Protein backbone atom coordinates (compact mmCIF):
# COMPACT_ATOMS: atom_id res chain seq x y z
CA MET A 1 -1.31 112.16 91.58
CA GLU A 2 1.38 113.91 89.58
CA GLY A 3 4.02 111.34 90.53
CA ASP A 4 1.89 108.50 89.19
CA GLY A 5 1.25 110.36 85.90
CA HIS A 6 4.96 111.06 85.54
CA SER A 7 5.76 107.39 86.14
CA ARG A 8 3.28 106.30 83.49
CA ARG A 9 4.63 108.86 80.99
CA VAL A 10 8.22 107.74 81.57
CA GLN A 11 7.23 104.10 81.26
CA GLN A 12 5.29 104.83 78.05
CA ALA A 13 8.19 106.85 76.65
CA ALA A 14 10.50 103.96 77.34
CA ALA A 15 10.12 101.11 74.93
CA GLY A 16 6.48 101.59 74.09
CA GLY A 17 5.21 101.51 77.67
CA ASP A 18 4.86 97.76 78.06
CA GLY A 19 8.55 96.87 77.86
CA ALA A 20 8.38 96.01 74.15
CA GLY A 21 11.43 97.15 72.22
CA ILE A 22 13.92 96.62 75.02
CA GLU A 23 17.17 94.96 73.99
CA ALA A 24 19.68 93.09 76.15
CA ALA A 25 23.42 93.40 75.54
CA PHE A 26 25.77 91.01 77.34
CA VAL A 27 29.19 89.40 77.08
CA THR A 28 29.10 85.70 76.19
CA ALA A 29 31.34 83.12 77.85
CA ALA A 30 33.58 83.41 74.75
CA GLY A 31 33.98 87.15 75.42
CA GLN A 32 31.82 88.33 72.53
CA VAL A 33 29.36 91.19 73.06
CA THR A 34 25.92 90.05 71.91
CA GLN A 35 22.60 91.86 71.70
CA LEU A 36 19.18 90.20 71.64
CA PRO A 37 15.60 91.34 72.17
CA TRP A 38 14.89 91.27 75.93
CA ASP A 39 12.08 88.70 75.57
CA GLN A 40 14.43 86.32 73.75
CA ALA A 41 17.45 86.89 76.04
CA VAL A 42 15.47 86.23 79.20
CA VAL A 43 14.59 82.69 78.12
CA SER A 44 17.89 81.77 76.48
CA VAL A 45 20.68 83.44 78.48
CA ARG A 46 21.94 82.30 81.89
CA PHE A 47 22.80 85.76 83.24
CA GLU A 48 24.10 84.31 86.52
CA GLY A 49 27.12 82.86 84.72
CA LEU A 50 28.13 85.97 82.80
CA SER A 51 30.91 88.44 83.44
CA PRO A 52 30.05 92.11 83.90
CA VAL A 53 29.03 93.86 80.69
CA SER A 54 30.78 97.00 81.92
CA ALA A 55 33.13 97.90 84.72
CA LEU A 56 31.94 99.69 87.80
CA PRO A 57 32.75 103.37 87.56
CA VAL A 58 35.66 104.68 89.60
CA VAL A 59 35.11 108.24 90.74
CA PRO A 60 38.30 110.14 91.61
CA GLY A 61 38.15 111.47 95.16
CA SER A 62 35.40 109.06 96.15
CA ARG A 63 35.71 107.16 99.41
CA TRP A 64 34.94 103.79 97.83
CA GLY A 65 36.01 101.73 94.88
CA PRO A 66 34.96 98.43 93.36
CA GLY A 67 35.62 95.33 95.40
CA TRP A 68 35.13 91.57 95.30
CA TRP A 69 32.79 89.38 97.35
CA TRP A 70 33.53 85.65 97.56
CA SER A 71 30.14 84.12 96.82
CA ALA A 72 29.49 80.66 98.21
CA THR A 73 26.45 80.49 95.91
CA ALA A 74 28.37 81.28 92.73
CA GLY A 75 31.59 79.56 93.82
CA ARG A 76 33.64 82.54 92.65
CA HIS A 77 34.29 86.20 93.34
CA VAL A 78 31.55 88.63 92.32
CA VAL A 79 32.45 92.28 91.79
CA HIS A 80 30.56 94.88 93.79
CA GLY A 81 30.44 98.65 94.01
CA PRO A 82 29.25 100.77 96.90
CA ALA A 83 28.18 99.43 100.29
CA ALA A 84 24.50 99.16 99.24
CA MET A 85 25.44 96.80 96.41
CA ARG A 86 27.78 94.76 98.61
CA THR A 87 25.09 94.45 101.29
CA GLN A 88 22.49 93.26 98.77
CA LEU A 89 25.01 90.78 97.36
CA MET A 90 25.69 89.44 100.86
CA VAL A 91 21.96 89.05 101.60
CA LEU A 92 21.32 87.23 98.31
CA ASP A 93 24.36 84.98 98.87
CA ARG A 94 22.89 83.81 102.20
CA ASP A 95 19.43 83.09 100.75
CA PRO A 96 19.09 79.29 100.35
CA ASP A 97 16.70 79.78 97.40
CA VAL A 98 19.34 81.66 95.36
CA THR A 99 21.30 79.32 93.08
CA GLY A 100 23.32 81.84 91.06
CA LEU A 101 24.63 85.41 91.32
CA SER A 102 26.33 87.87 89.02
CA ALA A 103 27.05 91.57 88.94
CA ARG A 104 26.20 93.83 85.99
CA PRO A 105 25.66 90.96 83.53
CA VAL A 106 23.34 92.80 81.12
CA ARG A 107 22.85 96.25 79.62
CA LEU A 108 19.26 97.16 78.79
CA LEU A 109 18.83 99.36 75.70
CA TRP A 110 15.70 101.11 74.49
CA GLN A 111 14.63 104.01 72.33
CA ASP A 112 13.17 106.89 74.31
CA MET A 113 9.98 107.78 72.47
CA SER A 114 10.07 111.38 73.73
CA ASP A 115 13.26 112.31 71.87
CA GLY A 116 14.15 109.24 69.78
CA ARG A 117 17.50 108.73 71.51
CA VAL A 118 18.77 105.27 72.40
CA ARG A 119 19.18 104.99 76.16
CA SER A 120 20.82 102.28 78.24
CA TRP A 121 21.11 101.12 81.81
CA VAL A 122 23.16 98.41 83.52
CA PRO A 123 21.34 96.91 86.53
CA GLN A 124 23.70 96.10 89.40
CA LEU A 125 22.84 92.49 90.29
CA PHE A 126 21.24 89.36 88.92
CA ALA A 127 20.14 86.44 91.10
CA ARG A 128 18.74 83.12 89.88
CA TYR A 129 16.34 81.29 92.20
CA ALA A 130 15.88 77.54 92.57
CA ASP A 131 12.48 77.71 90.84
CA GLY A 132 14.15 79.18 87.72
CA THR A 133 12.97 82.74 88.22
CA GLY A 134 15.42 85.61 88.31
CA LEU A 135 15.90 88.92 90.06
CA LEU A 136 17.41 91.88 88.22
CA ALA A 137 18.13 94.66 90.71
CA ASP A 138 19.66 98.04 91.21
CA CYS A 139 21.17 98.87 94.58
CA PRO A 140 20.93 102.62 95.09
CA SER A 141 22.17 103.99 98.39
CA SER A 142 19.06 106.21 98.46
CA PRO A 143 15.89 106.52 96.35
CA THR A 144 17.15 109.76 94.79
CA THR A 145 20.57 108.44 93.74
CA GLY A 146 21.29 109.10 90.07
CA GLY A 147 18.67 111.80 89.51
CA GLU A 148 16.24 111.92 86.60
CA ARG A 149 18.26 109.52 84.41
CA ALA A 150 18.25 106.85 87.10
CA GLN A 151 14.52 107.33 87.70
CA ARG A 152 13.82 106.80 84.00
CA ALA A 153 16.05 103.73 83.95
CA ARG A 154 14.26 102.28 86.98
CA MET A 155 10.94 102.67 85.16
CA VAL A 156 12.34 100.81 82.14
CA LEU A 157 13.79 98.12 84.42
CA GLU A 158 10.35 97.69 86.02
CA ALA A 159 8.68 97.50 82.59
CA ALA A 160 11.25 94.98 81.33
CA CYS A 161 10.82 92.75 84.36
CA ALA A 162 7.02 93.04 84.34
CA ARG A 163 6.98 92.07 80.67
CA VAL A 164 8.69 88.74 81.32
CA GLY A 165 7.33 88.09 84.79
């Protein structure tokens, strides 16, 4: 299938195909921006306790803007964007297996092998589960939201998560 071939090509073009070469940028509790290899960050950084690495975009003329959800799980407000993100945040907050939540805590960076440019993507939510595993998720309002750039970023996000389990 053409779609499957395209997915493999995008995944291979992003960070060597297996998620190698992906970096994680985040803001420490002291407010310092730090960047580590993804494999190292995933085992040493508690993403659920971090502030957003970047603000949610505000689009003039749009019918929504960023908001705050009081999270019983996190014990603090968690920023959210559109309704799809707020809904996912609400669902995760009610899950008894979720022990921590944060919005936009990490920026993934990689070099696109097709053109050599450094690309980045900020996943919308992070959830920590009681067994220590984590969930890094985007919350698009539809599968086509964001176009080609978002599709490429989703492939990299999948590769990054698959790499670390």
